[in-house]
């Protein structure tokens, strides 16, 4: 399985954390959930971090069956719809940058 992460590195405007989270869930997640071929969409909001660590108020992880599906998604028009929805929310609440990382995922149950 492939997991593609979008790391939102930066800061939510002071006092806007709950509004930011609500806007992501209401305005952006519905688009992300329509990405063709996605197996799962994981939206995680940062709660705490080590001292000195960079701040990630949001991490998006989308699971895909294989790289061919990821590559097909990357040229699909819905990606532009997702980008527009994301940018609209970020413009209101966020200062920072987004970077993507593609990984091969392995999951194990605790022993």
N, C-alpha and C. Protein backbone atom coordinates (compact mmCIF):
# COMPACT_ATOMS: atom_id res chain seq x y z
N UNK A 1 0.84 -1.17 0.00
CA UNK A 1 0.00 0.00 0.00
C UNK A 1 0.89 1.24 0.00
N UNK A 2 0.42 2.28 -0.67
CA UNK A 2 1.11 3.57 -0.74
C UNK A 2 0.33 4.57 0.12
N UNK A 3 1.06 5.35 0.89
CA UNK A 3 0.44 6.45 1.62
C UNK A 3 1.11 7.74 1.18
N UNK A 4 0.28 8.68 0.76
CA UNK A 4 0.77 10.01 0.36
C UNK A 4 0.35 10.99 1.45
N UNK A 5 1.35 11.64 2.03
CA UNK A 5 1.12 12.60 3.10
C UNK A 5 1.20 14.02 2.57
N UNK A 6 0.35 14.86 3.10
CA UNK A 6 0.47 16.31 2.93
C UNK A 6 0.72 16.88 4.32
N UNK A 7 1.88 17.45 4.52
CA UNK A 7 2.26 18.00 5.81
C UNK A 7 2.08 19.51 5.75
N UNK A 8 1.23 20.01 6.61
CA UNK A 8 0.92 21.43 6.68
C UNK A 8 1.81 22.01 7.78
N UNK A 9 2.94 22.56 7.38
CA UNK A 9 3.93 23.06 8.33
C UNK A 9 3.75 24.57 8.49
N UNK A 10 3.49 24.99 9.70
CA UNK A 10 3.30 26.42 9.96
C UNK A 10 2.39 26.64 11.14
N UNK A 11 1.66 27.76 11.11
CA UNK A 11 0.83 28.10 12.24
C UNK A 11 -0.57 28.50 11.79
N UNK A 12 -1.54 28.10 12.58
CA UNK A 12 -2.91 28.59 12.44
C UNK A 12 -2.93 29.97 13.11
N UNK A 13 -3.68 30.89 12.52
CA UNK A 13 -3.77 32.22 13.11
C UNK A 13 -4.22 32.12 14.57
N UNK A 14 -3.67 32.95 15.45
CA UNK A 14 -4.00 32.88 16.88
C UNK A 14 -5.52 32.93 17.11
N UNK A 15 -5.97 32.02 17.97
CA UNK A 15 -7.38 31.97 18.34
C UNK A 15 -8.29 31.35 17.29
N UNK A 16 -7.71 30.82 16.21
CA UNK A 16 -8.51 30.30 15.10
C UNK A 16 -8.43 28.78 14.93
N UNK A 17 -7.85 28.09 15.89
CA UNK A 17 -7.64 26.65 15.75
C UNK A 17 -8.95 25.90 15.52
N UNK A 18 -9.95 26.15 16.33
CA UNK A 18 -11.21 25.42 16.18
C UNK A 18 -11.91 25.77 14.87
N UNK A 19 -11.86 27.03 14.48
CA UNK A 19 -12.47 27.44 13.22
C UNK A 19 -11.73 26.80 12.03
N UNK A 20 -10.41 26.74 12.11
CA UNK A 20 -9.60 26.09 11.07
C UNK A 20 -9.99 24.62 10.93
N UNK A 21 -10.04 23.93 12.05
CA UNK A 21 -10.37 22.51 12.02
C UNK A 21 -11.78 22.29 11.47
N UNK A 22 -12.72 23.10 11.91
CA UNK A 22 -14.10 22.95 11.42
C UNK A 22 -14.18 23.21 9.92
N UNK A 23 -13.45 24.20 9.44
CA UNK A 23 -13.46 24.50 8.00
C UNK A 23 -12.83 23.38 7.19
N UNK A 24 -11.73 22.80 7.67
CA UNK A 24 -11.12 21.67 6.97
C UNK A 24 -12.12 20.52 6.88
N UNK A 25 -12.75 20.19 8.00
CA UNK A 25 -13.69 19.06 8.02
C UNK A 25 -14.92 19.31 7.15
N UNK A 26 -15.43 20.53 7.15
CA UNK A 26 -16.67 20.83 6.41
C UNK A 26 -16.45 21.16 4.94
N UNK A 27 -15.34 21.83 4.63
CA UNK A 27 -15.15 22.35 3.28
C UNK A 27 -14.18 21.55 2.43
N UNK A 28 -13.21 20.92 3.06
CA UNK A 28 -12.15 20.26 2.29
C UNK A 28 -12.26 18.74 2.31
N UNK A 29 -12.53 18.18 3.47
CA UNK A 29 -12.62 16.72 3.57
C UNK A 29 -13.63 16.13 2.58
N UNK A 30 -14.80 16.74 2.35
CA UNK A 30 -15.71 16.15 1.35
C UNK A 30 -15.09 16.01 -0.04
N UNK A 31 -14.22 16.93 -0.42
CA UNK A 31 -13.54 16.81 -1.71
C UNK A 31 -12.49 15.71 -1.64
N UNK A 32 -11.68 15.71 -0.58
CA UNK A 32 -10.65 14.68 -0.45
C UNK A 32 -11.26 13.28 -0.48
N UNK A 33 -12.44 13.12 0.09
CA UNK A 33 -13.09 11.81 0.14
C UNK A 33 -13.54 11.34 -1.25
N UNK A 34 -13.63 12.25 -2.21
CA UNK A 34 -14.05 11.89 -3.57
C UNK A 34 -12.86 11.58 -4.48
N UNK A 35 -11.64 11.61 -3.97
CA UNK A 35 -10.48 11.32 -4.80
C UNK A 35 -10.58 9.88 -5.32
N UNK A 36 -10.59 9.70 -6.63
CA UNK A 36 -10.76 8.36 -7.21
C UNK A 36 -9.59 7.44 -6.89
N UNK A 37 -9.92 6.25 -6.44
CA UNK A 37 -8.90 5.25 -6.15
C UNK A 37 -8.39 5.26 -4.72
N UNK A 38 -8.71 6.30 -3.96
CA UNK A 38 -8.23 6.36 -2.57
C UNK A 38 -8.88 5.26 -1.75
N UNK A 39 -8.08 4.62 -0.91
CA UNK A 39 -8.58 3.58 -0.02
C UNK A 39 -9.06 4.14 1.31
N UNK A 40 -8.37 5.19 1.79
CA UNK A 40 -8.72 5.81 3.07
C UNK A 40 -8.14 7.21 3.10
N UNK A 41 -8.84 8.10 3.78
CA UNK A 41 -8.39 9.48 3.98
C UNK A 41 -8.27 9.70 5.49
N UNK A 42 -7.07 10.04 5.94
CA UNK A 42 -6.81 10.27 7.36
C UNK A 42 -6.49 11.75 7.56
N UNK A 43 -7.28 12.43 8.35
CA UNK A 43 -7.07 13.83 8.66
C UNK A 43 -6.69 13.91 10.13
N UNK A 44 -5.49 14.39 10.40
CA UNK A 44 -5.03 14.46 11.78
C UNK A 44 -4.63 15.90 12.10
N UNK A 45 -5.07 16.36 13.26
CA UNK A 45 -4.77 17.71 13.72
C UNK A 45 -3.74 17.62 14.84
N UNK A 46 -2.70 18.44 14.74
CA UNK A 46 -1.64 18.43 15.74
C UNK A 46 -2.14 18.88 17.10
N UNK A 47 -1.80 18.12 18.12
CA UNK A 47 -2.18 18.44 19.49
C UNK A 47 -0.98 18.83 20.35
N UNK A 48 0.17 18.23 20.08
CA UNK A 48 1.35 18.46 20.90
C UNK A 48 2.57 18.07 20.08
N UNK A 49 3.74 18.53 20.48
CA UNK A 49 4.97 18.16 19.79
C UNK A 49 6.15 18.34 20.74
N UNK A 50 7.26 17.74 20.38
CA UNK A 50 8.48 17.90 21.18
C UNK A 50 8.93 19.35 21.14
N UNK A 51 9.60 19.76 22.19
CA UNK A 51 10.15 21.11 22.23
C UNK A 51 11.10 21.30 21.06
N UNK A 52 10.92 22.39 20.33
CA UNK A 52 11.79 22.69 19.20
C UNK A 52 11.39 22.03 17.90
N UNK A 53 10.42 21.15 17.93
CA UNK A 53 9.98 20.47 16.70
C UNK A 53 9.14 21.43 15.85
N UNK A 54 9.16 21.26 14.53
CA UNK A 54 8.31 22.12 13.69
C UNK A 54 6.84 21.86 13.98
N UNK A 55 6.03 22.88 13.72
CA UNK A 55 4.60 22.79 14.00
C UNK A 55 3.86 22.30 12.75
N UNK A 56 3.05 21.25 12.93
CA UNK A 56 2.20 20.70 11.87
C UNK A 56 0.76 20.70 12.37
N UNK A 57 0.01 21.78 12.15
CA UNK A 57 -1.37 21.82 12.62
C UNK A 57 -2.27 20.80 11.94
N UNK A 58 -1.86 20.34 10.74
CA UNK A 58 -2.65 19.38 9.99
C UNK A 58 -1.72 18.45 9.23
N UNK A 59 -2.02 17.18 9.29
CA UNK A 59 -1.35 16.19 8.44
C UNK A 59 -2.45 15.37 7.78
N UNK A 60 -2.40 15.35 6.46
CA UNK A 60 -3.33 14.55 5.67
C UNK A 60 -2.58 13.33 5.17
N UNK A 61 -3.17 12.16 5.32
CA UNK A 61 -2.59 10.92 4.78
C UNK A 61 -3.68 10.23 3.97
N UNK A 62 -3.37 9.93 2.72
CA UNK A 62 -4.31 9.21 1.88
C UNK A 62 -3.65 7.91 1.45
N UNK A 63 -4.35 6.81 1.70
CA UNK A 63 -3.86 5.49 1.33
C UNK A 63 -4.33 5.14 -0.07
N UNK A 64 -3.42 4.56 -0.85
CA UNK A 64 -3.68 4.17 -2.23
C UNK A 64 -3.22 2.73 -2.42
N UNK A 65 -3.81 1.99 -3.35
CA UNK A 65 -3.39 0.61 -3.54
C UNK A 65 -2.01 0.47 -4.17
N UNK A 66 -1.60 1.44 -5.02
CA UNK A 66 -0.33 1.33 -5.73
C UNK A 66 0.03 2.69 -6.34
N UNK A 67 1.26 2.79 -6.85
CA UNK A 67 1.73 4.05 -7.43
C UNK A 67 0.97 4.41 -8.70
N UNK A 68 0.53 3.44 -9.47
CA UNK A 68 -0.22 3.75 -10.69
C UNK A 68 -1.50 4.51 -10.35
N UNK A 69 -2.14 4.15 -9.26
CA UNK A 69 -3.36 4.85 -8.84
C UNK A 69 -3.03 6.26 -8.38
N UNK A 70 -1.92 6.43 -7.67
CA UNK A 70 -1.49 7.77 -7.24
C UNK A 70 -1.21 8.63 -8.48
N UNK A 71 -0.49 8.08 -9.43
CA UNK A 71 -0.14 8.84 -10.64
C UNK A 71 -1.38 9.23 -11.43
N UNK A 72 -2.38 8.35 -11.49
CA UNK A 72 -3.64 8.69 -12.18
C UNK A 72 -4.36 9.80 -11.43
N UNK A 73 -4.35 9.75 -10.11
CA UNK A 73 -4.98 10.80 -9.32
C UNK A 73 -4.30 12.15 -9.55
N UNK A 74 -2.99 12.17 -9.62
CA UNK A 74 -2.25 13.42 -9.74
C UNK A 74 -2.59 14.21 -11.00
N UNK A 75 -3.13 13.55 -12.03
CA UNK A 75 -3.52 14.25 -13.26
C UNK A 75 -5.03 14.35 -13.40
N UNK A 76 -5.77 13.91 -12.39
CA UNK A 76 -7.23 13.97 -12.43
C UNK A 76 -7.69 15.38 -12.08
N UNK A 77 -8.70 15.91 -12.78
CA UNK A 77 -9.19 17.27 -12.49
C UNK A 77 -9.67 17.48 -11.05
N UNK A 78 -10.09 16.43 -10.37
CA UNK A 78 -10.56 16.62 -8.99
C UNK A 78 -9.43 17.08 -8.08
N UNK A 79 -8.19 16.80 -8.47
CA UNK A 79 -7.07 17.29 -7.67
C UNK A 79 -7.07 18.82 -7.62
N UNK A 80 -7.40 19.45 -8.73
CA UNK A 80 -7.48 20.92 -8.76
C UNK A 80 -8.62 21.42 -7.88
N UNK A 81 -9.72 20.69 -7.84
CA UNK A 81 -10.83 21.04 -6.97
C UNK A 81 -10.40 20.95 -5.50
N UNK A 82 -9.68 19.90 -5.17
CA UNK A 82 -9.17 19.75 -3.81
C UNK A 82 -8.18 20.84 -3.45
N UNK A 83 -7.32 21.19 -4.38
CA UNK A 83 -6.35 22.25 -4.13
C UNK A 83 -7.06 23.59 -3.89
N UNK A 84 -8.08 23.89 -4.70
CA UNK A 84 -8.81 25.15 -4.54
C UNK A 84 -9.52 25.21 -3.19
N UNK A 85 -10.15 24.12 -2.79
CA UNK A 85 -10.84 24.09 -1.49
C UNK A 85 -9.84 24.26 -0.35
N UNK A 86 -8.70 23.59 -0.47
CA UNK A 86 -7.67 23.69 0.56
C UNK A 86 -7.13 25.11 0.65
N UNK A 87 -6.80 25.70 -0.50
CA UNK A 87 -6.24 27.05 -0.51
C UNK A 87 -7.23 28.07 0.05
N UNK A 88 -8.52 27.87 -0.19
CA UNK A 88 -9.53 28.80 0.34
C UNK A 88 -9.53 28.79 1.87
N UNK A 89 -9.42 27.62 2.46
CA UNK A 89 -9.38 27.53 3.92
C UNK A 89 -8.05 28.07 4.45
N UNK A 90 -6.96 27.69 3.82
CA UNK A 90 -5.66 28.14 4.30
C UNK A 90 -5.54 29.65 4.26
N UNK A 91 -6.08 30.28 3.24
CA UNK A 91 -6.00 31.74 3.12
C UNK A 91 -6.65 32.43 4.31
N UNK A 92 -7.64 31.80 4.89
CA UNK A 92 -8.36 32.40 6.02
C UNK A 92 -7.70 32.12 7.37
N UNK A 93 -6.97 31.00 7.48
CA UNK A 93 -6.57 30.55 8.81
C UNK A 93 -5.10 30.19 9.00
N UNK A 94 -4.30 30.11 7.97
CA UNK A 94 -3.00 29.42 8.08
C UNK A 94 -1.87 30.22 7.44
N UNK A 95 -0.73 30.23 8.10
CA UNK A 95 0.52 30.73 7.53
C UNK A 95 1.52 29.60 7.54
N UNK A 96 2.03 29.24 6.38
CA UNK A 96 3.02 28.18 6.33
C UNK A 96 3.15 27.61 4.94
N UNK A 97 3.55 26.36 4.89
CA UNK A 97 3.74 25.69 3.61
C UNK A 97 3.23 24.26 3.70
N UNK A 98 3.01 23.68 2.55
CA UNK A 98 2.58 22.28 2.47
C UNK A 98 3.64 21.53 1.67
N UNK A 99 4.03 20.38 2.18
CA UNK A 99 4.88 19.52 1.37
C UNK A 99 4.35 18.10 1.43
N UNK A 100 4.59 17.37 0.35
CA UNK A 100 4.05 16.02 0.19
C UNK A 100 5.17 14.99 0.26
N UNK A 101 4.83 13.85 0.83
CA UNK A 101 5.76 12.73 0.93
C UNK A 101 4.98 11.47 0.58
N UNK A 102 5.55 10.66 -0.29
CA UNK A 102 4.92 9.39 -0.68
C UNK A 102 5.71 8.27 -0.03
N UNK A 103 4.99 7.36 0.64
CA UNK A 103 5.64 6.28 1.36
C UNK A 103 5.01 4.94 1.00
N UNK A 104 5.77 3.90 1.22
CA UNK A 104 5.23 2.55 1.18
C UNK A 104 4.88 2.19 2.62
N UNK A 105 3.63 1.88 2.86
CA UNK A 105 3.16 1.66 4.23
C UNK A 105 3.10 0.17 4.57
N UNK A 106 3.45 -0.14 5.79
CA UNK A 106 3.32 -1.48 6.35
C UNK A 106 2.64 -1.31 7.71
N UNK A 107 1.61 -2.07 7.97
CA UNK A 107 0.90 -1.97 9.23
C UNK A 107 1.00 -3.30 9.97
N UNK A 108 1.16 -3.19 11.29
CA UNK A 108 1.31 -4.38 12.13
C UNK A 108 0.44 -4.21 13.37
N UNK A 109 -0.21 -5.27 13.74
CA UNK A 109 -0.97 -5.26 14.99
C UNK A 109 0.02 -5.43 16.15
N UNK A 110 -0.26 -4.80 17.29
CA UNK A 110 0.63 -4.99 18.45
C UNK A 110 0.67 -6.46 18.86
N UNK A 111 1.80 -6.87 19.40
CA UNK A 111 1.90 -8.27 19.84
C UNK A 111 1.62 -8.40 21.32
